[in-house]
Amino acid sequence: MAVPITDMQALHLWRLAVLAGVQRETPDLSARQMAVLLTVYLTTPPHTVRGLATLLNVSKPAITRALDRLSELEMVRRKADEADRRNVLLQRTIKGSVFLRDWGGIVSGVAQDVPA
């Protein structure tokens, strides 16, 4: 269901969501890290560094750096691809699922505060 909002309303929503995340002391993720995390969780697996780089149109080293941080936070897990040992598959984790479920709650909660 599409809800039409203006550019300014969208920016207000984004600001409120980020502010609420900061106030709850959620991990600070860059826009790229969040894009990688959302892609891993909201699109059909399997996910590889090469595939994410292509999908997000960024370099493989940039994806690797984002995954390093997400791995440190235990939001994704790397696993060797049994079918092709050159590939590394990315796996979802419970911690990542909880983070995104909470983040979705933050966004939907502040969406009610966006002026019409």
C-alpha atoms as a PDB file:
ATOM      1  CA  MET A   1       0.000   0.000   0.000  1.00  0.00           C
ATOM      2  CA  ALA A   2       1.626   3.225  -1.156  1.00  0.00           C
ATOM      3  CA  VAL A   3       1.140   6.268   1.039  1.00  0.00           C
ATOM      4  CA  PRO A   4       1.847   9.495  -0.807  1.00  0.00           C
ATOM      5  CA  ILE A   5       4.134  11.847   1.113  1.00  0.00           C
ATOM      6  CA  THR A   6       6.075  14.914   0.099  1.00  0.00           C
ATOM      7  CA  ASP A   7       9.852  15.111  -0.030  1.00  0.00           C
ATOM      8  CA  MET A   8       9.853  17.195   3.142  1.00  0.00           C
ATOM      9  CA  GLN A   9       7.614  14.693   4.936  1.00  0.00           C
ATOM     10  CA  ALA A  10       9.965  11.893   3.888  1.00  0.00           C
ATOM     11  CA  LEU A  11      12.972  13.793   5.232  1.00  0.00           C
ATOM     12  CA  HIS A  12      11.100  14.540   8.458  1.00  0.00           C
ATOM     13  CA  LEU A  13      10.285  10.842   8.840  1.00  0.00           C
ATOM     14  CA  TRP A  14      13.901   9.893   8.200  1.00  0.00           C
ATOM     15  CA  ARG A  15      15.139  12.458  10.749  1.00  0.00           C
ATOM     16  CA  LEU A  16      12.683  11.270  13.401  1.00  0.00           C
ATOM     17  CA  ALA A  17      13.601   7.624  12.819  1.00  0.00           C
ATOM     18  CA  VAL A  18      17.346   8.286  13.020  1.00  0.00           C
ATOM     19  CA  LEU A  19      16.872  10.430  16.116  1.00  0.00           C
ATOM     20  CA  ALA A  20      14.786   7.724  17.805  1.00  0.00           C
ATOM     21  CA  GLY A  21      17.458   5.151  16.936  1.00  0.00           C
ATOM     22  CA  VAL A  22      20.180   7.329  18.451  1.00  0.00           C
ATOM     23  CA  GLN A  23      18.118   7.882  21.593  1.00  0.00           C
ATOM     24  CA  ARG A  24      17.617   4.126  21.998  1.00  0.00           C
ATOM     25  CA  GLU A  25      21.345   3.580  21.584  1.00  0.00           C
ATOM     26  CA  THR A  26      20.982   1.225  18.643  1.00  0.00           C
ATOM     27  CA  PRO A  27      24.250   0.496  16.815  1.00  0.00           C
ATOM     28  CA  ASP A  28      25.334   3.320  14.532  1.00  0.00           C
ATOM     29  CA  LEU A  29      25.198   2.012  10.978  1.00  0.00           C
ATOM     30  CA  SER A  30      26.233   3.942   7.919  1.00  0.00           C
ATOM     31  CA  ALA A  31      23.791   4.261   5.054  1.00  0.00           C
ATOM     32  CA  ARG A  32      25.802   1.634   3.151  1.00  0.00           C
ATOM     33  CA  GLN A  33      25.802  -0.776   6.094  1.00  0.00           C
ATOM     34  CA  MET A  34      22.046  -0.345   6.494  1.00  0.00           C
ATOM     35  CA  ALA A  35      21.518  -0.883   2.756  1.00  0.00           C
ATOM     36  CA  VAL A  36      23.540  -4.103   2.899  1.00  0.00           C
ATOM     37  CA  LEU A  37      21.719  -5.318   6.010  1.00  0.00           C
ATOM     38  CA  LEU A  38      18.270  -4.558   4.589  1.00  0.00           C
ATOM     39  CA  THR A  39      19.178  -6.248   1.304  1.00  0.00           C
ATOM     40  CA  VAL A  40      20.388  -9.407   3.054  1.00  0.00           C
ATOM     41  CA  TYR A  41      17.251  -9.588   5.185  1.00  0.00           C
ATOM     42  CA  LEU A  42      14.571  -8.410   2.772  1.00  0.00           C
ATOM     43  CA  THR A  43      15.598 -10.069  -0.488  1.00  0.00           C
ATOM     44  CA  THR A  44      15.782 -13.716  -1.388  1.00  0.00           C
ATOM     45  CA  PRO A  45      19.078 -15.457  -0.534  1.00  0.00           C
ATOM     46  CA  PRO A  46      21.712 -16.566  -1.299  1.00  0.00           C
ATOM     47  CA  HIS A  47      23.779 -13.407  -0.914  1.00  0.00           C
ATOM     48  CA  THR A  48      27.444 -13.041  -1.809  1.00  0.00           C
ATOM     49  CA  VAL A  49      29.831 -10.103  -1.761  1.00  0.00           C
ATOM     50  CA  ARG A  50      29.892 -10.096  -5.549  1.00  0.00           C
ATOM     51  CA  GLY A  51      26.097 -10.236  -5.770  1.00  0.00           C
ATOM     52  CA  LEU A  52      25.610  -7.424  -3.256  1.00  0.00           C
ATOM     53  CA  ALA A  53      28.200  -5.268  -5.011  1.00  0.00           C
ATOM     54  CA  THR A  54      26.356  -5.710  -8.285  1.00  0.00           C
ATOM     55  CA  LEU A  55      22.909  -5.203  -6.784  1.00  0.00           C
ATOM     56  CA  LEU A  56      23.875  -2.087  -4.818  1.00  0.00           C
ATOM     57  CA  ASN A  57      26.224  -0.784  -7.515  1.00  0.00           C
ATOM     58  CA  VAL A  58      29.202  -0.358  -5.176  1.00  0.00           C
ATOM     59  CA  SER A  59      32.650  -1.924  -5.127  1.00  0.00           C
ATOM     60  CA  LYS A  60      33.360  -5.313  -3.576  1.00  0.00           C
ATOM     61  CA  PRO A  61      35.807  -3.749  -1.067  1.00  0.00           C
ATOM     62  CA  ALA A  62      33.052  -1.359   0.070  1.00  0.00           C
ATOM     63  CA  ILE A  63      30.698  -4.296   0.610  1.00  0.00           C
ATOM     64  CA  THR A  64      33.441  -6.155   2.478  1.00  0.00           C
ATOM     65  CA  ARG A  65      33.982  -3.199   4.829  1.00  0.00           C
ATOM     66  CA  ALA A  66      30.237  -2.963   5.493  1.00  0.00           C
ATOM     67  CA  LEU A  67      30.087  -6.698   6.168  1.00  0.00           C
ATOM     68  CA  ASP A  68      33.073  -6.463   8.511  1.00  0.00           C
ATOM     69  CA  ARG A  69      31.122  -4.034  10.698  1.00  0.00           C
ATOM     70  CA  LEU A  70      27.883  -6.018  10.466  1.00  0.00           C
ATOM     71  CA  SER A  71      29.790  -9.181  11.382  1.00  0.00           C
ATOM     72  CA  GLU A  72      31.354  -7.439  14.405  1.00  0.00           C
ATOM     73  CA  LEU A  73      27.839  -6.551  15.532  1.00  0.00           C
ATOM     74  CA  GLU A  74      26.744 -10.179  14.869  1.00  0.00           C
ATOM     75  CA  MET A  75      24.017  -9.010  12.476  1.00  0.00           C
ATOM     76  CA  VAL A  76      25.275 -11.196   9.620  1.00  0.00           C
ATOM     77  CA  ARG A  77      27.472 -14.264   9.463  1.00  0.00           C
ATOM     78  CA  ARG A  78      29.844 -15.305   6.706  1.00  0.00           C
ATOM     79  CA  LYS A  79      29.924 -18.944   5.616  1.00  0.00           C
ATOM     80  CA  ALA A  80      31.949 -20.664   2.933  1.00  0.00           C
ATOM     81  CA  ASP A  81      29.868 -21.806  -0.033  1.00  0.00           C
ATOM     82  CA  GLU A  82      30.118 -25.593  -0.081  1.00  0.00           C
ATOM     83  CA  ALA A  83      29.338 -25.668  -3.814  1.00  0.00           C
ATOM     84  CA  ASP A  84      32.026 -23.095  -4.718  1.00  0.00           C
ATOM     85  CA  ARG A  85      34.689 -22.497  -2.073  1.00  0.00           C
ATOM     86  CA  ARG A  86      35.639 -19.203  -3.762  1.00  0.00           C
ATOM     87  CA  ASN A  87      32.328 -17.706  -2.695  1.00  0.00           C
ATOM     88  CA  VAL A  88      31.349 -16.573   0.758  1.00  0.00           C
ATOM     89  CA  LEU A  89      27.645 -16.721   1.561  1.00  0.00           C
ATOM     90  CA  LEU A  90      26.038 -14.324   3.978  1.00  0.00           C
ATOM     91  CA  GLN A  91      23.652 -15.609   6.584  1.00  0.00           C
ATOM     92  CA  ARG A  92      21.065 -13.823   8.654  1.00  0.00           C
ATOM     93  CA  THR A  93      21.349 -13.923  12.445  1.00  0.00           C
ATOM     94  CA  ILE A  94      18.888 -13.592  15.272  1.00  0.00           C
ATOM     95  CA  LYS A  95      20.620 -10.394  16.414  1.00  0.00           C
ATOM     96  CA  GLY A  96      20.220  -8.873  12.941  1.00  0.00           C
ATOM     97  CA  SER A  97      16.574  -9.923  12.780  1.00  0.00           C
ATOM     98  CA  VAL A  98      15.851  -8.359  16.160  1.00  0.00           C
ATOM     99  CA  PHE A  99      17.662  -5.146  15.179  1.00  0.00           C
ATOM    100  CA  LEU A 100      15.632  -4.777  11.975  1.00  0.00           C
ATOM    101  CA  ARG A 101      12.340  -5.671  13.642  1.00  0.00           C
ATOM    102  CA  ASP A 102      13.046  -2.998  16.276  1.00  0.00           C
ATOM    103  CA  TRP A 103      14.106  -0.517  13.583  1.00  0.00           C
ATOM    104  CA  GLY A 104      10.879  -1.191  11.680  1.00  0.00           C
ATOM    105  CA  GLY A 105       8.981  -0.452  14.893  1.00  0.00           C
ATOM    106  CA  ILE A 106      10.863   2.814  15.273  1.00  0.00           C
ATOM    107  CA  VAL A 107      10.043   3.865  11.716  1.00  0.00           C
ATOM    108  CA  SER A 108       6.369   2.931  11.948  1.00  0.00           C
ATOM    109  CA  GLY A 109       6.117   4.631  15.341  1.00  0.00           C
ATOM    110  CA  VAL A 110       7.571   7.950  14.211  1.00  0.00           C
ATOM    111  CA  ALA A 111       5.598   7.845  10.973  1.00  0.00           C
ATOM    112  CA  GLN A 112       2.573   8.759  13.039  1.00  0.00           C
ATOM    113  CA  ASP A 113       4.339  12.005  14.020  1.00  0.00           C
ATOM    114  CA  VAL A 114       4.897  13.215  10.454  1.00  0.00           C
ATOM    115  CA  PRO A 115       2.684  16.255   9.861  1.00  0.00           C
ATOM    116  CA  ALA A 116       0.127  15.943   7.073  1.00  0.00           C
END
